[in-house]
PDB file of N, CA and C in Angstrom:
ATOM      1  N   MET A   1      11.653   1.132   6.776  1.00  0.00           N
ATOM      2  CA  MET A   1      11.162   1.789   5.598  1.00  0.00           C
ATOM      3  C   MET A   1      10.789   0.741   4.568  1.00  0.00           C
ATOM      4  N   SER A   2       9.735   1.052   3.861  1.00  0.00           N
ATOM      5  CA  SER A   2       9.375   0.177   2.751  1.00  0.00           C
ATOM      6  C   SER A   2       8.491   0.939   1.769  1.00  0.00           C
ATOM      7  N   TYR A   3       8.597   0.517   0.535  1.00  0.00           N
ATOM      8  CA  TYR A   3       7.690   0.994  -0.499  1.00  0.00           C
ATOM      9  C   TYR A   3       6.675  -0.107  -0.730  1.00  0.00           C
ATOM     10  N   GLY A   4       5.445   0.283  -0.922  1.00  0.00           N
ATOM     11  CA  GLY A   4       4.425  -0.720  -1.185  1.00  0.00           C
ATOM     12  C   GLY A   4       3.229  -0.102  -1.869  1.00  0.00           C
ATOM     13  N   GLY A   5       2.403  -0.960  -2.397  1.00  0.00           N
ATOM     14  CA  GLY A   5       1.182  -0.506  -3.048  1.00  0.00           C
ATOM     15  C   GLY A   5       0.212   0.079  -2.026  1.00  0.00           C
ATOM     16  N   SER A   6      -0.637   0.951  -2.470  1.00  0.00           N
ATOM     17  CA  SER A   6      -1.615   1.602  -1.613  1.00  0.00           C
ATOM     18  C   SER A   6      -2.654   0.592  -1.140  1.00  0.00           C
ATOM     19  N   LEU A   7      -2.821   0.455   0.172  1.00  0.00           N
ATOM     20  CA  LEU A   7      -3.828  -0.448   0.713  1.00  0.00           C
ATOM     21  C   LEU A   7      -5.235   0.018   0.358  1.00  0.00           C
ATOM     22  N   THR A   8      -5.450   1.317   0.373  1.00  0.00           N
ATOM     23  CA  THR A   8      -6.755   1.855   0.017  1.00  0.00           C
ATOM     24  C   THR A   8      -7.126   1.465  -1.409  1.00  0.00           C
ATOM     25  N   GLU A   9      -6.186   1.592  -2.318  1.00  0.00           N
ATOM     26  CA  GLU A   9      -6.431   1.224  -3.704  1.00  0.00           C
ATOM     27  C   GLU A   9      -6.676  -0.281  -3.834  1.00  0.00           C
ATOM     28  N   SER A  10      -5.925  -1.077  -3.094  1.00  0.00           N
ATOM     29  CA  SER A  10      -6.099  -2.529  -3.136  1.00  0.00           C
ATOM     30  C   SER A  10      -7.487  -2.932  -2.644  1.00  0.00           C
ATOM     31  N   PHE A  11      -7.932  -2.322  -1.549  1.00  0.00           N
ATOM     32  CA  PHE A  11      -9.260  -2.636  -1.020  1.00  0.00           C
ATOM     33  C   PHE A  11     -10.357  -2.220  -1.996  1.00  0.00           C
ATOM     34  N   ARG A  12     -10.149  -1.110  -2.690  1.00  0.00           N
ATOM     35  CA  ARG A  12     -11.127  -0.672  -3.680  1.00  0.00           C
ATOM     36  C   ARG A  12     -11.244  -1.706  -4.789  1.00  0.00           C
ATOM     37  N   TRP A  13     -10.102  -2.245  -5.235  1.00  0.00           N
ATOM     38  CA  TRP A  13     -10.124  -3.250  -6.294  1.00  0.00           C
ATOM     39  C   TRP A  13     -10.793  -4.534  -5.831  1.00  0.00           C
ATOM     40  N   VAL A  14     -10.633  -4.880  -4.545  1.00  0.00           N
ATOM     41  CA  VAL A  14     -11.307  -6.059  -4.009  1.00  0.00           C
ATOM     42  C   VAL A  14     -12.818  -5.889  -4.141  1.00  0.00           C
ATOM     43  N   GLY A  15     -13.310  -4.712  -3.823  1.00  0.00           N
ATOM     44  CA  GLY A  15     -14.742  -4.437  -3.953  1.00  0.00           C
ATOM     45  C   GLY A  15     -15.221  -4.517  -5.389  1.00  0.00           C
ATOM     46  N   VAL A  16     -14.437  -3.974  -6.312  1.00  0.00           N
ATOM     47  CA  VAL A  16     -14.789  -4.022  -7.734  1.00  0.00           C
ATOM     48  C   VAL A  16     -14.843  -5.468  -8.213  1.00  0.00           C
ATOM     49  N   TYR A  17     -13.834  -6.243  -7.850  1.00  0.00           N
ATOM     50  CA  TYR A  17     -13.787  -7.651  -8.266  1.00  0.00           C
ATOM     51  C   TYR A  17     -14.948  -8.438  -7.665  1.00  0.00           C
ATOM     52  N   ALA A  18     -15.237  -8.210  -6.381  1.00  0.00           N
ATOM     53  CA  ALA A  18     -16.343  -8.924  -5.724  1.00  0.00           C
ATOM     54  C   ALA A  18     -17.657  -8.621  -6.445  1.00  0.00           C
ATOM     55  N   GLY A  19     -17.870  -7.365  -6.804  1.00  0.00           N
ATOM     56  CA  GLY A  19     -19.080  -6.991  -7.523  1.00  0.00           C
ATOM     57  C   GLY A  19     -19.176  -7.686  -8.871  1.00  0.00           C
ATOM     58  N   ARG A  20     -18.080  -7.747  -9.590  1.00  0.00           N
ATOM     59  CA  ARG A  20     -18.080  -8.397 -10.905  1.00  0.00           C
ATOM     60  C   ARG A  20     -18.326  -9.892 -10.788  1.00  0.00           C
ATOM     61  N   ILE A  21     -17.744 -10.520  -9.774  1.00  0.00           N
ATOM     62  CA  ILE A  21     -17.939 -11.958  -9.562  1.00  0.00           C
ATOM     63  C   ILE A  21     -19.393 -12.247  -9.180  1.00  0.00           C
ATOM     64  N   LEU A  22     -19.953 -11.411  -8.292  1.00  0.00           N
ATOM     65  CA  LEU A  22     -21.344 -11.609  -7.873  1.00  0.00           C
ATOM     66  C   LEU A  22     -22.326 -11.403  -9.023  1.00  0.00           C
ATOM     67  N   LYS A  23     -21.945 -10.608 -10.004  1.00  0.00           N
ATOM     68  CA  LYS A  23     -22.794 -10.399 -11.181  1.00  0.00           C
ATOM     69  C   LYS A  23     -22.653 -11.536 -12.187  1.00  0.00           C
ATOM     70  N   GLY A  24     -21.767 -12.500 -11.898  1.00  0.00           N
ATOM     71  CA  GLY A  24     -21.655 -13.685 -12.733  1.00  0.00           C
ATOM     72  C   GLY A  24     -20.501 -13.705 -13.709  1.00  0.00           C
ATOM     73  N   GLU A  25     -19.614 -12.747 -13.638  1.00  0.00           N
ATOM     74  CA  GLU A  25     -18.467 -12.745 -14.558  1.00  0.00           C
ATOM     75  C   GLU A  25     -17.514 -13.877 -14.200  1.00  0.00           C
ATOM     76  N   LYS A  26     -16.968 -14.517 -15.207  1.00  0.00           N
ATOM     77  CA  LYS A  26     -16.050 -15.625 -14.985  1.00  0.00           C
ATOM     78  C   LYS A  26     -14.696 -15.101 -14.505  1.00  0.00           C
ATOM     79  N   LEU A  27     -14.100 -15.842 -13.583  1.00  0.00           N
ATOM     80  CA  LEU A  27     -12.807 -15.437 -13.026  1.00  0.00           C
ATOM     81  C   LEU A  27     -11.733 -15.341 -14.105  1.00  0.00           C
ATOM     82  N   ALA A  28     -11.796 -16.206 -15.094  1.00  0.00           N
ATOM     83  CA  ALA A  28     -10.800 -16.206 -16.167  1.00  0.00           C
ATOM     84  C   ALA A  28     -10.853 -14.923 -16.989  1.00  0.00           C
ATOM     85  N   ASN A  29     -11.974 -14.213 -16.943  1.00  0.00           N
ATOM     86  CA  ASN A  29     -12.123 -12.981 -17.721  1.00  0.00           C
ATOM     87  C   ASN A  29     -11.684 -11.732 -16.961  1.00  0.00           C
ATOM     88  N   LEU A  30     -11.377 -11.901 -15.684  1.00  0.00           N
ATOM     89  CA  LEU A  30     -10.957 -10.745 -14.886  1.00  0.00           C
ATOM     90  C   LEU A  30      -9.465 -10.495 -15.088  1.00  0.00           C
ATOM     91  N   PRO A  31      -9.085  -9.273 -15.422  1.00  0.00           N
ATOM     92  CA  PRO A  31      -7.666  -8.985 -15.636  1.00  0.00           C
ATOM     93  C   PRO A  31      -6.904  -8.902 -14.311  1.00  0.00           C
ATOM     94  N   VAL A  32      -5.622  -9.147 -14.387  1.00  0.00           N
ATOM     95  CA  VAL A  32      -4.756  -8.979 -13.221  1.00  0.00           C
ATOM     96  C   VAL A  32      -4.505  -7.485 -13.060  1.00  0.00           C
ATOM     97  N   GLN A  33      -4.705  -6.995 -11.860  1.00  0.00           N
ATOM     98  CA  GLN A  33      -4.517  -5.569 -11.590  1.00  0.00           C
ATOM     99  C   GLN A  33      -3.251  -5.371 -10.770  1.00  0.00           C
ATOM    100  N   GLN A  34      -2.551  -4.304 -11.066  1.00  0.00           N
ATOM    101  CA  GLN A  34      -1.348  -3.958 -10.328  1.00  0.00           C
ATOM    102  C   GLN A  34      -1.539  -2.554  -9.779  1.00  0.00           C
ATOM    103  N   SER A  35      -1.125  -2.355  -8.561  1.00  0.00           N
ATOM    104  CA  SER A  35      -1.275  -1.045  -7.939  1.00  0.00           C
ATOM    105  C   SER A  35      -0.484   0.001  -8.713  1.00  0.00           C
ATOM    106  N   THR A  36      -1.120   1.127  -8.958  1.00  0.00           N
ATOM    107  CA  THR A  36      -0.448   2.211  -9.675  1.00  0.00           C
ATOM    108  C   THR A  36       0.055   3.289  -8.722  1.00  0.00           C
ATOM    109  N   LYS A  37      -0.406   3.241  -7.476  1.00  0.00           N
ATOM    110  CA  LYS A  37       0.041   4.207  -6.482  1.00  0.00           C
ATOM    111  C   LYS A  37       0.974   3.496  -5.507  1.00  0.00           C
ATOM    112  N   ILE A  38       2.189   3.980  -5.405  1.00  0.00           N
ATOM    113  CA  ILE A  38       3.193   3.410  -4.506  1.00  0.00           C
ATOM    114  C   ILE A  38       3.377   4.370  -3.327  1.00  0.00           C
ATOM    115  N   GLU A  39       3.402   3.814  -2.125  1.00  0.00           N
ATOM    116  CA  GLU A  39       3.531   4.639  -0.929  1.00  0.00           C
ATOM    117  C   GLU A  39       4.799   4.276  -0.153  1.00  0.00           C
ATOM    118  N   LEU A  40       5.355   5.277   0.528  1.00  0.00           N
ATOM    119  CA  LEU A  40       6.538   5.087   1.371  1.00  0.00           C
ATOM    120  C   LEU A  40       6.089   5.043   2.825  1.00  0.00           C
ATOM    121  N   PHE A  41       6.453   3.966   3.520  1.00  0.00           N
ATOM    122  CA  PHE A  41       6.124   3.786   4.928  1.00  0.00           C
ATOM    123  C   PHE A  41       7.410   3.812   5.745  1.00  0.00           C
ATOM    124  N   ILE A  42       7.373   4.523   6.868  1.00  0.00           N
ATOM    125  CA  ILE A  42       8.544   4.587   7.753  1.00  0.00           C
ATOM    126  C   ILE A  42       8.087   4.270   9.174  1.00  0.00           C
ATOM    127  N   ASN A  43       8.775   3.340   9.822  1.00  0.00           N
ATOM    128  CA  ASN A  43       8.483   2.970  11.199  1.00  0.00           C
ATOM    129  C   ASN A  43       9.581   3.554  12.086  1.00  0.00           C
ATOM    130  N   LEU A  44       9.261   4.651  12.773  1.00  0.00           N
ATOM    131  CA  LEU A  44      10.254   5.328  13.606  1.00  0.00           C
ATOM    132  C   LEU A  44      10.624   4.531  14.851  1.00  0.00           C
ATOM    133  N   LYS A  45       9.675   3.768  15.389  1.00  0.00           N
ATOM    134  CA  LYS A  45       9.954   2.973  16.582  1.00  0.00           C
ATOM    135  C   LYS A  45      11.022   1.916  16.273  1.00  0.00           C
ATOM    136  N   THR A  46      10.906   1.275  15.123  1.00  0.00           N
ATOM    137  CA  THR A  46      11.894   0.268  14.723  1.00  0.00           C
ATOM    138  C   THR A  46      13.236   0.926  14.416  1.00  0.00           C
ATOM    139  N   ALA A  47      13.200   2.074  13.754  1.00  0.00           N
ATOM    140  CA  ALA A  47      14.441   2.788  13.445  1.00  0.00           C
ATOM    141  C   ALA A  47      15.173   3.161  14.726  1.00  0.00           C
ATOM    142  N   GLU A  48      14.418   3.607  15.717  1.00  0.00           N
ATOM    143  CA  GLU A  48      15.030   3.975  17.000  1.00  0.00           C
ATOM    144  C   GLU A  48      15.622   2.740  17.683  1.00  0.00           C
ATOM    145  N   ALA A  49      14.907   1.627  17.632  1.00  0.00           N
ATOM    146  CA  ALA A  49      15.399   0.396  18.251  1.00  0.00           C
ATOM    147  C   ALA A  49      16.683  -0.088  17.588  1.00  0.00           C
ATOM    148  N   LEU A  50      16.836   0.190  16.298  1.00  0.00           N
ATOM    149  CA  LEU A  50      18.041  -0.192  15.565  1.00  0.00           C
ATOM    150  C   LEU A  50      19.148   0.861  15.663  1.00  0.00           C
ATOM    151  N   GLY A  51      18.829   1.977  16.309  1.00  0.00           N
ATOM    152  CA  GLY A  51      19.815   3.041  16.461  1.00  0.00           C
ATOM    153  C   GLY A  51      19.986   3.885  15.206  1.00  0.00           C
ATOM    154  N   LEU A  52      18.960   3.933  14.371  1.00  0.00           N
ATOM    155  CA  LEU A  52      19.020   4.711  13.125  1.00  0.00           C
ATOM    156  C   LEU A  52      18.300   6.034  13.280  1.00  0.00           C
ATOM    157  N   GLU A  53      18.841   7.037  12.645  1.00  0.00           N
ATOM    158  CA  GLU A  53      18.193   8.352  12.646  1.00  0.00           C
ATOM    159  C   GLU A  53      17.657   8.610  11.236  1.00  0.00           C
ATOM    160  N   VAL A  54      16.367   8.881  11.156  1.00  0.00           N
ATOM    161  CA  VAL A  54      15.730   9.119   9.863  1.00  0.00           C
ATOM    162  C   VAL A  54      15.746  10.619   9.593  1.00  0.00           C
ATOM    163  N   PRO A  55      16.324  11.046   8.472  1.00  0.00           N
ATOM    164  CA  PRO A  55      16.373  12.473   8.156  1.00  0.00           C
ATOM    165  C   PRO A  55      14.975  13.080   8.011  1.00  0.00           C
ATOM    166  N   ALA A  56      14.854  14.329   8.426  1.00  0.00           N
ATOM    167  CA  ALA A  56      13.570  15.032   8.364  1.00  0.00           C
ATOM    168  C   ALA A  56      13.052  15.131   6.928  1.00  0.00           C
ATOM    169  N   THR A  57      13.956  15.276   5.965  1.00  0.00           N
ATOM    170  CA  THR A  57      13.513  15.382   4.569  1.00  0.00           C
ATOM    171  C   THR A  57      12.837  14.089   4.115  1.00  0.00           C
ATOM    172  N   LEU A  58      13.308  12.955   4.614  1.00  0.00           N
ATOM    173  CA  LEU A  58      12.687  11.678   4.265  1.00  0.00           C
ATOM    174  C   LEU A  58      11.333  11.524   4.956  1.00  0.00           C
ATOM    175  N   LEU A  59      11.235  12.008   6.182  1.00  0.00           N
ATOM    176  CA  LEU A  59       9.967  11.940   6.912  1.00  0.00           C
ATOM    177  C   LEU A  59       8.881  12.773   6.230  1.00  0.00           C
ATOM    178  N   THR A  60       9.271  13.891   5.666  1.00  0.00           N
ATOM    179  CA  THR A  60       8.271  14.748   5.006  1.00  0.00           C
ATOM    180  C   THR A  60       7.781  14.126   3.701  1.00  0.00           C
ATOM    181  N   ARG A  61       8.595  13.298   3.068  1.00  0.00           N
ATOM    182  CA  ARG A  61       8.193  12.637   1.828  1.00  0.00           C
ATOM    183  C   ARG A  61       7.388  11.373   2.050  1.00  0.00           C
ATOM    184  N   ALA A  62       7.413  10.831   3.276  1.00  0.00           N
ATOM    185  CA  ALA A  62       6.726   9.568   3.575  1.00  0.00           C
ATOM    186  C   ALA A  62       5.214   9.745   3.521  1.00  0.00           C
ATOM    187  N   ASP A  63       4.532   8.724   3.051  1.00  0.00           N
ATOM    188  CA  ASP A  63       3.069   8.739   3.029  1.00  0.00           C
ATOM    189  C   ASP A  63       2.503   8.344   4.384  1.00  0.00           C
ATOM    190  N   ASP A  64       3.225   7.478   5.110  1.00  0.00           N
ATOM    191  CA  ASP A  64       2.758   7.019   6.418  1.00  0.00           C
ATOM    192  C   ASP A  64       3.967   6.852   7.328  1.00  0.00           C
ATOM    193  N   VAL A  65       3.907   7.493   8.505  1.00  0.00           N
ATOM    194  CA  VAL A  65       4.973   7.386   9.500  1.00  0.00           C
ATOM    195  C   VAL A  65       4.380   6.770  10.757  1.00  0.00           C
ATOM    196  N   VAL A  66       4.932   5.620  11.163  1.00  0.00           N
ATOM    197  CA  VAL A  66       4.484   4.934  12.377  1.00  0.00           C
ATOM    198  C   VAL A  66       5.421   5.353  13.488  1.00  0.00           C
ATOM    199  N   GLU A  67       4.834   5.870  14.574  1.00  0.00           N
ATOM    200  CA  GLU A  67       5.668   6.334  15.691  1.00  0.00           C
ATOM    201  C   GLU A  67       5.644   5.394  16.849  1.00  0.00           C
TER     202      GLU A  67
END
């Protein structure tokens, strides 16, 4: 299990930054961006290998479940 920033949101910001840089904006003028959407990831294969049982309520709250 882990919490992390949204990859989709991060990739979108990469595109925005690339566009601004290509238009000639100076890097020093670009603000630091922090992800505002946090996602919960659960890897069931790893949990099973460790002998852990993930409660169903936690699985329903997860944004991404790897099986």
